[in-house]
Structures are given as structure tokens and as C-alpha cells.
Amino acid sequence: MVSRKRGNGTLRYEVWQEKGVVTRYNLAYINHLIYNGDNGRVIGYDNRHGHHRHFKGTVEPIDTISFEEIEGHFEQEWTKVLEEYNAQRNR
């Protein structure tokens, strides 16, 4: 959970591994105050039907890169979205 002071929301990390190798993942930042569509998923990455990125209801394929890189992109992006939301909220 992201604290109310920080901007609210939920981080979801679902990662499946076989013999230490990530075979499936679902990363999502959910915050209905920022985006109400797609069950509140503001940003997410998963590979359920190929590697792709979700952002406020749009879905785009991504080039296959390592899970560690995808996790890094996700961390940077949800943090940036939350910073922008908080900057607007505090105006």
C-alpha cells in the first residue's frame, strides 16, 4: 500500500518462477484517484499475452527485456506518476 500522505494506491507484484527464472509476472500500480478505468490500474507490466505495458487504459507491446529491467522501468514510472499527481494536488 502507498500511504495516503504519499498519494494513496496499491502496488501489486505477482511473480512466478521456475528454477530461479521468472516465467510470468504482473506488476501494477492501482490508484482510483488518478485513473478510474481498467479497475484503477494506472500503470502495469505483464506477460500474460506477450510482454506489454498498460498505462491508463492503453496497452502497448514492449520489446522483451529482462524481468529486472522491466521491474526497474515499472518502479521509475509509478514513482513519476505519483510525483506528478502530488505536484498537481498540492497546487
PDB file of N, CA and C in Angstrom:
ATOM      1  N   MET A   1       0.832  -1.182   0.000  1.00  0.00           N
ATOM      2  CA  MET A   1       0.000   0.000   0.000  1.00  0.00           C
ATOM      3  C   MET A   1       0.885   1.257   0.000  1.00  0.00           C
ATOM      4  N   VAL A   2       0.472   2.231  -0.755  1.00  0.00           N
ATOM      5  CA  VAL A   2       1.134   3.524  -0.749  1.00  0.00           C
ATOM      6  C   VAL A   2       0.365   4.385   0.250  1.00  0.00           C
ATOM      7  N   SER A   3       1.067   5.031   1.144  1.00  0.00           N
ATOM      8  CA  SER A   3       0.410   5.802   2.201  1.00  0.00           C
ATOM      9  C   SER A   3      -0.421   6.949   1.628  1.00  0.00           C
ATOM     10  N   ARG A   4      -1.425   7.347   2.393  1.00  0.00           N
ATOM     11  CA  ARG A   4      -2.272   8.472   1.991  1.00  0.00           C
ATOM     12  C   ARG A   4      -1.433   9.735   1.832  1.00  0.00           C
ATOM     13  N   LYS A   5      -0.486   9.930   2.740  1.00  0.00           N
ATOM     14  CA  LYS A   5       0.383  11.107   2.682  1.00  0.00           C
ATOM     15  C   LYS A   5       1.189  11.139   1.387  1.00  0.00           C
ATOM     16  N   ARG A   6       1.593   9.965   0.920  1.00  0.00           N
ATOM     17  CA  ARG A   6       2.395   9.880  -0.302  1.00  0.00           C
ATOM     18  C   ARG A   6       1.540   9.929  -1.569  1.00  0.00           C
ATOM     19  N   GLY A   7       0.224   9.709  -1.449  1.00  0.00           N
ATOM     20  CA  GLY A   7      -0.644   9.823  -2.618  1.00  0.00           C
ATOM     21  C   GLY A   7      -1.615   8.680  -2.816  1.00  0.00           C
ATOM     22  N   ASN A   8      -1.597   7.696  -1.935  1.00  0.00           N
ATOM     23  CA  ASN A   8      -2.531   6.561  -1.995  1.00  0.00           C
ATOM     24  C   ASN A   8      -2.189   5.572  -3.109  1.00  0.00           C
ATOM     25  N   GLY A   9      -2.884   4.483  -3.082  1.00  0.00           N
ATOM     26  CA  GLY A   9      -2.761   3.474  -4.114  1.00  0.00           C
ATOM     27  C   GLY A   9      -2.219   2.161  -3.574  1.00  0.00           C
ATOM     28  N   THR A  10      -2.173   1.197  -4.471  1.00  0.00           N
ATOM     29  CA  THR A  10      -1.712  -0.145  -4.156  1.00  0.00           C
ATOM     30  C   THR A  10      -0.699  -0.579  -5.198  1.00  0.00           C
ATOM     31  N   LEU A  11       0.377  -1.181  -4.742  1.00  0.00           N
ATOM     32  CA  LEU A  11       1.347  -1.795  -5.638  1.00  0.00           C
ATOM     33  C   LEU A  11       1.110  -3.293  -5.624  1.00  0.00           C
ATOM     34  N   ARG A  12       1.015  -3.875  -6.797  1.00  0.00           N
ATOM     35  CA  ARG A  12       0.826  -5.320  -6.900  1.00  0.00           C
ATOM     36  C   ARG A  12       2.016  -5.926  -7.638  1.00  0.00           C
ATOM     37  N   TYR A  13       2.671  -6.838  -6.983  1.00  0.00           N
ATOM     38  CA  TYR A  13       3.789  -7.576  -7.577  1.00  0.00           C
ATOM     39  C   TYR A  13       3.425  -9.053  -7.536  1.00  0.00           C
ATOM     40  N   GLU A  14       3.188  -9.636  -8.683  1.00  0.00           N
ATOM     41  CA  GLU A  14       2.971 -11.076  -8.783  1.00  0.00           C
ATOM     42  C   GLU A  14       4.045 -11.612  -9.720  1.00  0.00           C
ATOM     43  N   VAL A  15       4.854 -12.495  -9.202  1.00  0.00           N
ATOM     44  CA  VAL A  15       5.978 -13.017  -9.995  1.00  0.00           C
ATOM     45  C   VAL A  15       6.052 -14.527  -9.788  1.00  0.00           C
ATOM     46  N   TRP A  16       6.047 -15.267 -10.890  1.00  0.00           N
ATOM     47  CA  TRP A  16       6.157 -16.717 -10.854  1.00  0.00           C
ATOM     48  C   TRP A  16       7.527 -17.112 -11.385  1.00  0.00           C
ATOM     49  N   GLN A  17       8.140 -18.063 -10.716  1.00  0.00           N
ATOM     50  CA  GLN A  17       9.470 -18.518 -11.113  1.00  0.00           C
ATOM     51  C   GLN A  17       9.504 -20.041 -11.202  1.00  0.00           C
ATOM     52  N   GLU A  18      10.372 -20.507 -12.069  1.00  0.00           N
ATOM     53  CA  GLU A  18      10.701 -21.928 -12.145  1.00  0.00           C
ATOM     54  C   GLU A  18      12.208 -22.028 -12.163  1.00  0.00           C
ATOM     55  N   LYS A  19      12.736 -22.719 -11.187  1.00  0.00           N
ATOM     56  CA  LYS A  19      14.184 -22.907 -11.061  1.00  0.00           C
ATOM     57  C   LYS A  19      14.941 -21.576 -11.106  1.00  0.00           C
ATOM     58  N   GLY A  20      14.380 -20.566 -10.439  1.00  0.00           N
ATOM     59  CA  GLY A  20      15.036 -19.266 -10.335  1.00  0.00           C
ATOM     60  C   GLY A  20      14.859 -18.355 -11.527  1.00  0.00           C
ATOM     61  N   VAL A  21      14.095 -18.782 -12.542  1.00  0.00           N
ATOM     62  CA  VAL A  21      13.872 -17.968 -13.740  1.00  0.00           C
ATOM     63  C   VAL A  21      12.428 -17.477 -13.731  1.00  0.00           C
ATOM     64  N   VAL A  22      12.236 -16.174 -13.909  1.00  0.00           N
ATOM     65  CA  VAL A  22      10.889 -15.600 -13.944  1.00  0.00           C
ATOM     66  C   VAL A  22      10.202 -16.061 -15.226  1.00  0.00           C
ATOM     67  N   THR A  23       9.074 -16.735 -15.049  1.00  0.00           N
ATOM     68  CA  THR A  23       8.319 -17.236 -16.200  1.00  0.00           C
ATOM     69  C   THR A  23       7.059 -16.415 -16.464  1.00  0.00           C
ATOM     70  N   ARG A  24       6.554 -15.775 -15.428  1.00  0.00           N
ATOM     71  CA  ARG A  24       5.347 -14.963 -15.572  1.00  0.00           C
ATOM     72  C   ARG A  24       5.396 -13.847 -14.538  1.00  0.00           C
ATOM     73  N   TYR A  25       4.860 -12.676 -14.916  1.00  0.00           N
ATOM     74  CA  TYR A  25       4.844 -11.553 -13.992  1.00  0.00           C
ATOM     75  C   TYR A  25       3.639 -10.663 -14.260  1.00  0.00           C
ATOM     76  N   ASN A  26       3.231  -9.954 -13.217  1.00  0.00           N
ATOM     77  CA  ASN A  26       2.143  -8.994 -13.296  1.00  0.00           C
ATOM     78  C   ASN A  26       2.459  -7.911 -12.270  1.00  0.00           C
ATOM     79  N   LEU A  27       2.874  -6.758 -12.747  1.00  0.00           N
ATOM     80  CA  LEU A  27       3.222  -5.624 -11.887  1.00  0.00           C
ATOM     81  C   LEU A  27       2.212  -4.516 -12.152  1.00  0.00           C
ATOM     82  N   ALA A  28       1.661  -3.935 -11.103  1.00  0.00           N
ATOM     83  CA  ALA A  28       0.661  -2.891 -11.321  1.00  0.00           C
ATOM     84  C   ALA A  28       0.673  -1.877 -10.189  1.00  0.00           C
ATOM     85  N   TYR A  29       0.441  -0.626 -10.559  1.00  0.00           N
ATOM     86  CA  TYR A  29       0.171   0.438  -9.588  1.00  0.00           C
ATOM     87  C   TYR A  29      -1.284   0.815  -9.788  1.00  0.00           C
ATOM     88  N   ILE A  30      -2.078   0.671  -8.737  1.00  0.00           N
ATOM     89  CA  ILE A  30      -3.513   0.896  -8.791  1.00  0.00           C
ATOM     90  C   ILE A  30      -3.859   2.087  -7.900  1.00  0.00           C
ATOM     91  N   ASN A  31      -4.540   3.065  -8.491  1.00  0.00           N
ATOM     92  CA  ASN A  31      -4.957   4.226  -7.724  1.00  0.00           C
ATOM     93  C   ASN A  31      -6.169   4.838  -8.426  1.00  0.00           C
ATOM     94  N   HIS A  32      -7.356   4.615  -7.851  1.00  0.00           N
ATOM     95  CA  HIS A  32      -8.597   5.115  -8.443  1.00  0.00           C
ATOM     96  C   HIS A  32      -8.700   6.628  -8.434  1.00  0.00           C
ATOM     97  N   LEU A  33      -7.903   7.305  -7.618  1.00  0.00           N
ATOM     98  CA  LEU A  33      -7.910   8.766  -7.604  1.00  0.00           C
ATOM     99  C   LEU A  33      -7.192   9.337  -8.825  1.00  0.00           C
ATOM    100  N   ILE A  34      -6.265   8.586  -9.385  1.00  0.00           N
ATOM    101  CA  ILE A  34      -5.522   9.040 -10.561  1.00  0.00           C
ATOM    102  C   ILE A  34      -6.202   8.574 -11.841  1.00  0.00           C
ATOM    103  N   TYR A  35      -6.667   7.319 -11.855  1.00  0.00           N
ATOM    104  CA  TYR A  35      -7.307   6.759 -13.047  1.00  0.00           C
ATOM    105  C   TYR A  35      -8.376   5.782 -12.605  1.00  0.00           C
ATOM    106  N   ASN A  36      -9.595   5.983 -13.055  1.00  0.00           N
ATOM    107  CA  ASN A  36     -10.713   5.161 -12.614  1.00  0.00           C
ATOM    108  C   ASN A  36     -11.008   3.994 -13.546  1.00  0.00           C
ATOM    109  N   GLY A  37     -10.519   4.023 -14.773  1.00  0.00           N
ATOM    110  CA  GLY A  37     -10.749   2.928 -15.702  1.00  0.00           C
ATOM    111  C   GLY A  37      -9.842   1.743 -15.400  1.00  0.00           C
ATOM    112  N   ASP A  38     -10.030   0.650 -16.116  1.00  0.00           N
ATOM    113  CA  ASP A  38      -9.166  -0.541 -16.016  1.00  0.00           C
ATOM    114  C   ASP A  38      -8.974  -0.967 -14.557  1.00  0.00           C
ATOM    115  N   ASN A  39     -10.056  -0.905 -13.786  1.00  0.00           N
ATOM    116  CA  ASN A  39     -10.031  -1.254 -12.358  1.00  0.00           C
ATOM    117  C   ASN A  39      -9.013  -0.447 -11.563  1.00  0.00           C
ATOM    118  N   GLY A  40      -8.759   0.773 -12.008  1.00  0.00           N
ATOM    119  CA  GLY A  40      -7.850   1.661 -11.289  1.00  0.00           C
ATOM    120  C   GLY A  40      -6.387   1.464 -11.612  1.00  0.00           C
ATOM    121  N   ARG A  41      -6.075   0.578 -12.551  1.00  0.00           N
ATOM    122  CA  ARG A  41      -4.665   0.338 -12.896  1.00  0.00           C
ATOM    123  C   ARG A  41      -4.134   1.539 -13.664  1.00  0.00           C
ATOM    124  N   VAL A  42      -3.261   2.275 -13.015  1.00  0.00           N
ATOM    125  CA  VAL A  42      -2.649   3.445 -13.630  1.00  0.00           C
ATOM    126  C   VAL A  42      -1.554   2.988 -14.579  1.00  0.00           C
ATOM    127  N   ILE A  43      -0.690   2.126 -14.093  1.00  0.00           N
ATOM    128  CA  ILE A  43       0.412   1.608 -14.906  1.00  0.00           C
ATOM    129  C   ILE A  43       0.653   0.155 -14.524  1.00  0.00           C
ATOM    130  N   GLY A  44       1.041  -0.638 -15.508  1.00  0.00           N
ATOM    131  CA  GLY A  44       1.332  -2.031 -15.225  1.00  0.00           C
ATOM    132  C   GLY A  44       2.121  -2.682 -16.340  1.00  0.00           C
ATOM    133  N   TYR A  45       2.762  -3.756 -15.985  1.00  0.00           N
ATOM    134  CA  TYR A  45       3.505  -4.586 -16.930  1.00  0.00           C
ATOM    135  C   TYR A  45       3.132  -6.038 -16.661  1.00  0.00           C
ATOM    136  N   ASP A  46       2.914  -6.804 -17.732  1.00  0.00           N
ATOM    137  CA  ASP A  46       2.710  -8.240 -17.551  1.00  0.00           C
ATOM    138  C   ASP A  46       3.039  -8.970 -18.842  1.00  0.00           C
ATOM    139  N   ASN A  47       3.091 -10.272 -18.719  1.00  0.00           N
ATOM    140  CA  ASN A  47       3.388 -11.075 -19.908  1.00  0.00           C
ATOM    141  C   ASN A  47       2.371 -12.184 -20.093  1.00  0.00           C
ATOM    142  N   ARG A  48       1.158 -11.953 -19.671  1.00  0.00           N
ATOM    143  CA  ARG A  48       0.100 -12.971 -19.811  1.00  0.00           C
ATOM    144  C   ARG A  48      -0.152 -13.303 -21.280  1.00  0.00           C
ATOM    145  N   HIS A  49      -0.160 -12.291 -22.134  1.00  0.00           N
ATOM    146  CA  HIS A  49      -0.353 -12.488 -23.580  1.00  0.00           C
ATOM    147  C   HIS A  49       0.756 -11.768 -24.329  1.00  0.00           C
ATOM    148  N   GLY A  50       1.980 -12.129 -24.062  1.00  0.00           N
ATOM    149  CA  GLY A  50       3.127 -11.418 -24.608  1.00  0.00           C
ATOM    150  C   GLY A  50       3.496 -10.272 -23.677  1.00  0.00           C
ATOM    151  N   HIS A  51       4.698  -9.798 -23.778  1.00  0.00           N
ATOM    152  CA  HIS A  51       5.170  -8.713 -22.900  1.00  0.00           C
ATOM    153  C   HIS A  51       4.508  -7.409 -23.322  1.00  0.00           C
ATOM    154  N   HIS A  52       3.855  -6.740 -22.369  1.00  0.00           N
ATOM    155  CA  HIS A  52       3.209  -5.475 -22.701  1.00  0.00           C
ATOM    156  C   HIS A  52       3.084  -4.580 -21.474  1.00  0.00           C
ATOM    157  N   ARG A  53       2.805  -3.311 -21.782  1.00  0.00           N
ATOM    158  CA  ARG A  53       2.701  -2.261 -20.772  1.00  0.00           C
ATOM    159  C   ARG A  53       1.312  -1.650 -20.839  1.00  0.00           C
ATOM    160  N   HIS A  54       0.725  -1.427 -19.686  1.00  0.00           N
ATOM    161  CA  HIS A  54      -0.562  -0.756 -19.566  1.00  0.00           C
ATOM    162  C   HIS A  54      -0.311   0.636 -19.005  1.00  0.00           C
ATOM    163  N   PHE A  55      -0.992   1.635 -19.554  1.00  0.00           N
ATOM    164  CA  PHE A  55      -0.925   2.975 -18.994  1.00  0.00           C
ATOM    165  C   PHE A  55      -2.274   3.651 -19.191  1.00  0.00           C
ATOM    166  N   LYS A  56      -2.993   3.824 -18.100  1.00  0.00           N
ATOM    167  CA  LYS A  56      -4.291   4.491 -18.101  1.00  0.00           C
ATOM    168  C   LYS A  56      -5.193   4.002 -19.234  1.00  0.00           C
ATOM    169  N   GLY A  57      -5.325   2.700 -19.336  1.00  0.00           N
ATOM    170  CA  GLY A  57      -6.249   2.103 -20.292  1.00  0.00           C
ATOM    171  C   GLY A  57      -5.684   1.749 -21.648  1.00  0.00           C
ATOM    172  N   THR A  58      -4.508   2.230 -21.969  1.00  0.00           N
ATOM    173  CA  THR A  58      -3.898   1.857 -23.241  1.00  0.00           C
ATOM    174  C   THR A  58      -2.913   0.720 -22.999  1.00  0.00           C
ATOM    175  N   VAL A  59      -2.782  -0.139 -23.991  1.00  0.00           N
ATOM    176  CA  VAL A  59      -1.879  -1.281 -23.891  1.00  0.00           C
ATOM    177  C   VAL A  59      -0.955  -1.229 -25.094  1.00  0.00           C
ATOM    178  N   GLU A  60       0.334  -1.391 -24.838  1.00  0.00           N
ATOM    179  CA  GLU A  60       1.296  -1.406 -25.938  1.00  0.00           C
ATOM    180  C   GLU A  60       2.303  -2.520 -25.703  1.00  0.00           C
ATOM    181  N   PRO A  61       2.682  -3.206 -26.780  1.00  0.00           N
ATOM    182  CA  PRO A  61       3.699  -4.256 -26.619  1.00  0.00           C
ATOM    183  C   PRO A  61       5.051  -3.636 -26.282  1.00  0.00           C
ATOM    184  N   ILE A  62       5.870  -4.387 -25.580  1.00  0.00           N
ATOM    185  CA  ILE A  62       7.229  -3.940 -25.294  1.00  0.00           C
ATOM    186  C   ILE A  62       8.193  -4.993 -25.797  1.00  0.00           C
ATOM    187  N   ASP A  63       9.364  -4.542 -26.179  1.00  0.00           N
ATOM    188  CA  ASP A  63      10.394  -5.487 -26.574  1.00  0.00           C
ATOM    189  C   ASP A  63      10.774  -6.313 -25.359  1.00  0.00           C
ATOM    190  N   THR A  64      10.975  -7.583 -25.586  1.00  0.00           N
ATOM    191  CA  THR A  64      11.333  -8.463 -24.490  1.00  0.00           C
ATOM    192  C   THR A  64      12.704  -8.075 -23.949  1.00  0.00           C
ATOM    193  N   ILE A  65      12.720  -7.731 -22.669  1.00  0.00           N
ATOM    194  CA  ILE A  65      13.952  -7.441 -21.956  1.00  0.00           C
ATOM    195  C   ILE A  65      13.908  -8.248 -20.668  1.00  0.00           C
ATOM    196  N   SER A  66      14.912  -8.185 -19.889  1.00  0.00           N
ATOM    197  CA  SER A  66      14.930  -8.985 -18.674  1.00  0.00           C
ATOM    198  C   SER A  66      13.864  -8.509 -17.688  1.00  0.00           C
ATOM    199  N   PHE A  67      13.422  -9.408 -16.844  1.00  0.00           N
ATOM    200  CA  PHE A  67      12.447  -9.033 -15.827  1.00  0.00           C
ATOM    201  C   PHE A  67      13.000  -7.930 -14.939  1.00  0.00           C
ATOM    202  N   GLU A  68      14.267  -7.987 -14.618  1.00  0.00           N
ATOM    203  CA  GLU A  68      14.883  -6.969 -13.767  1.00  0.00           C
ATOM    204  C   GLU A  68      14.769  -5.584 -14.395  1.00  0.00           C
ATOM    205  N   GLU A  69      14.958  -5.495 -15.711  1.00  0.00           N
ATOM    206  CA  GLU A  69      14.812  -4.206 -16.400  1.00  0.00           C
ATOM    207  C   GLU A  69      13.351  -3.741 -16.382  1.00  0.00           C
ATOM    208  N   ILE A  70      12.431  -4.659 -16.617  1.00  0.00           N
ATOM    209  CA  ILE A  70      11.009  -4.327 -16.587  1.00  0.00           C
ATOM    210  C   ILE A  70      10.625  -3.832 -15.198  1.00  0.00           C
ATOM    211  N   GLU A  71      11.099  -4.514 -14.183  1.00  0.00           N
ATOM    212  CA  GLU A  71      10.817  -4.105 -12.809  1.00  0.00           C
ATOM    213  C   GLU A  71      11.378  -2.706 -12.530  1.00  0.00           C
ATOM    214  N   GLY A  72      12.557  -2.415 -13.052  1.00  0.00           N
ATOM    215  CA  GLY A  72      13.154  -1.090 -12.900  1.00  0.00           C
ATOM    216  C   GLY A  72      12.335  -0.009 -13.586  1.00  0.00           C
ATOM    217  N   HIS A  73      11.873  -0.292 -14.820  1.00  0.00           N
ATOM    218  CA  HIS A  73      11.021   0.661 -15.545  1.00  0.00           C
ATOM    219  C   HIS A  73       9.737   0.909 -14.767  1.00  0.00           C
ATOM    220  N   PHE A  74       9.135  -0.158 -14.276  1.00  0.00           N
ATOM    221  CA  PHE A  74       7.895  -0.042 -13.505  1.00  0.00           C
ATOM    222  C   PHE A  74       8.099   0.841 -12.286  1.00  0.00           C
ATOM    223  N   GLU A  75       9.160   0.606 -11.547  1.00  0.00           N
ATOM    224  CA  GLU A  75       9.459   1.395 -10.340  1.00  0.00           C
ATOM    225  C   GLU A  75       9.609   2.879 -10.688  1.00  0.00           C
ATOM    226  N   GLN A  76      10.355   3.174 -11.736  1.00  0.00           N
ATOM    227  CA  GLN A  76      10.558   4.568 -12.141  1.00  0.00           C
ATOM    228  C   GLN A  76       9.252   5.218 -12.569  1.00  0.00           C
ATOM    229  N   GLU A  77       8.447   4.482 -13.326  1.00  0.00           N
ATOM    230  CA  GLU A  77       7.227   5.065 -13.877  1.00  0.00           C
ATOM    231  C   GLU A  77       6.151   5.304 -12.818  1.00  0.00           C
ATOM    232  N   TRP A  78       5.913   4.325 -11.925  1.00  0.00           N
ATOM    233  CA  TRP A  78       4.859   4.565 -10.934  1.00  0.00           C
ATOM    234  C   TRP A  78       5.275   5.672  -9.985  1.00  0.00           C
ATOM    235  N   THR A  79       6.566   5.769  -9.696  1.00  0.00           N
ATOM    236  CA  THR A  79       7.052   6.837  -8.828  1.00  0.00           C
ATOM    237  C   THR A  79       6.857   8.197  -9.493  1.00  0.00           C
ATOM    238  N   LYS A  80       7.151   8.283 -10.793  1.00  0.00           N
ATOM    239  CA  LYS A  80       6.984   9.538 -11.522  1.00  0.00           C
ATOM    240  C   LYS A  80       5.513   9.941 -11.598  1.00  0.00           C
ATOM    241  N   VAL A  81       4.645   8.991 -11.883  1.00  0.00           N
ATOM    242  CA  VAL A  81       3.202   9.273 -11.949  1.00  0.00           C
ATOM    243  C   VAL A  81       2.719   9.824 -10.610  1.00  0.00           C
ATOM    244  N   LEU A  82       3.157   9.224  -9.536  1.00  0.00           N
ATOM    245  CA  LEU A  82       2.737   9.665  -8.210  1.00  0.00           C
ATOM    246  C   LEU A  82       3.296  11.045  -7.877  1.00  0.00           C
ATOM    247  N   GLU A  83       4.530  11.316  -8.265  1.00  0.00           N
ATOM    248  CA  GLU A  83       5.114  12.649  -8.042  1.00  0.00           C
ATOM    249  C   GLU A  83       4.331  13.707  -8.801  1.00  0.00           C
ATOM    250  N   GLU A  84       3.965  13.423 -10.056  1.00  0.00           N
ATOM    251  CA  GLU A  84       3.192  14.373 -10.857  1.00  0.00           C
ATOM    252  C   GLU A  84       1.810  14.594 -10.256  1.00  0.00           C
ATOM    253  N   TYR A  85       1.187  13.521  -9.792  1.00  0.00           N
ATOM    254  CA  TYR A  85      -0.132  13.623  -9.164  1.00  0.00           C
ATOM    255  C   TYR A  85      -0.045  14.500  -7.909  1.00  0.00           C
ATOM    256  N   ASN A  86       0.955  14.264  -7.080  1.00  0.00           N
ATOM    257  CA  ASN A  86       1.113  15.036  -5.857  1.00  0.00           C
ATOM    258  C   ASN A  86       1.432  16.502  -6.139  1.00  0.00           C
ATOM    259  N   ALA A  87       2.201  16.778  -7.188  1.00  0.00           N
ATOM    260  CA  ALA A  87       2.504  18.167  -7.558  1.00  0.00           C
ATOM    261  C   ALA A  87       1.225  18.889  -7.962  1.00  0.00           C
ATOM    262  N   GLN A  88       0.352  18.242  -8.721  1.00  0.00           N
ATOM    263  CA  GLN A  88      -0.916  18.849  -9.127  1.00  0.00           C
ATOM    264  C   GLN A  88      -1.837  19.037  -7.919  1.00  0.00           C
ATOM    265  N   ARG A  89      -1.850  18.056  -7.052  1.00  0.00           N
ATOM    266  CA  ARG A  89      -2.726  18.074  -5.880  1.00  0.00           C
ATOM    267  C   ARG A  89      -2.334  19.179  -4.914  1.00  0.00           C
ATOM    268  N   ASN A  90      -1.051  19.493  -4.847  1.00  0.00           N
ATOM    269  CA  ASN A  90      -0.551  20.487  -3.889  1.00  0.00           C
ATOM    270  C   ASN A  90      -0.507  21.911  -4.444  1.00  0.00           C
ATOM    271  N   ARG A  91      -1.028  22.125  -5.639  1.00  0.00           N
ATOM    272  CA  ARG A  91      -1.031  23.474  -6.218  1.00  0.00           C
ATOM    273  C   ARG A  91      -2.103  24.315  -5.609  1.00  0.00           C
TER     274      ARG A  91
END
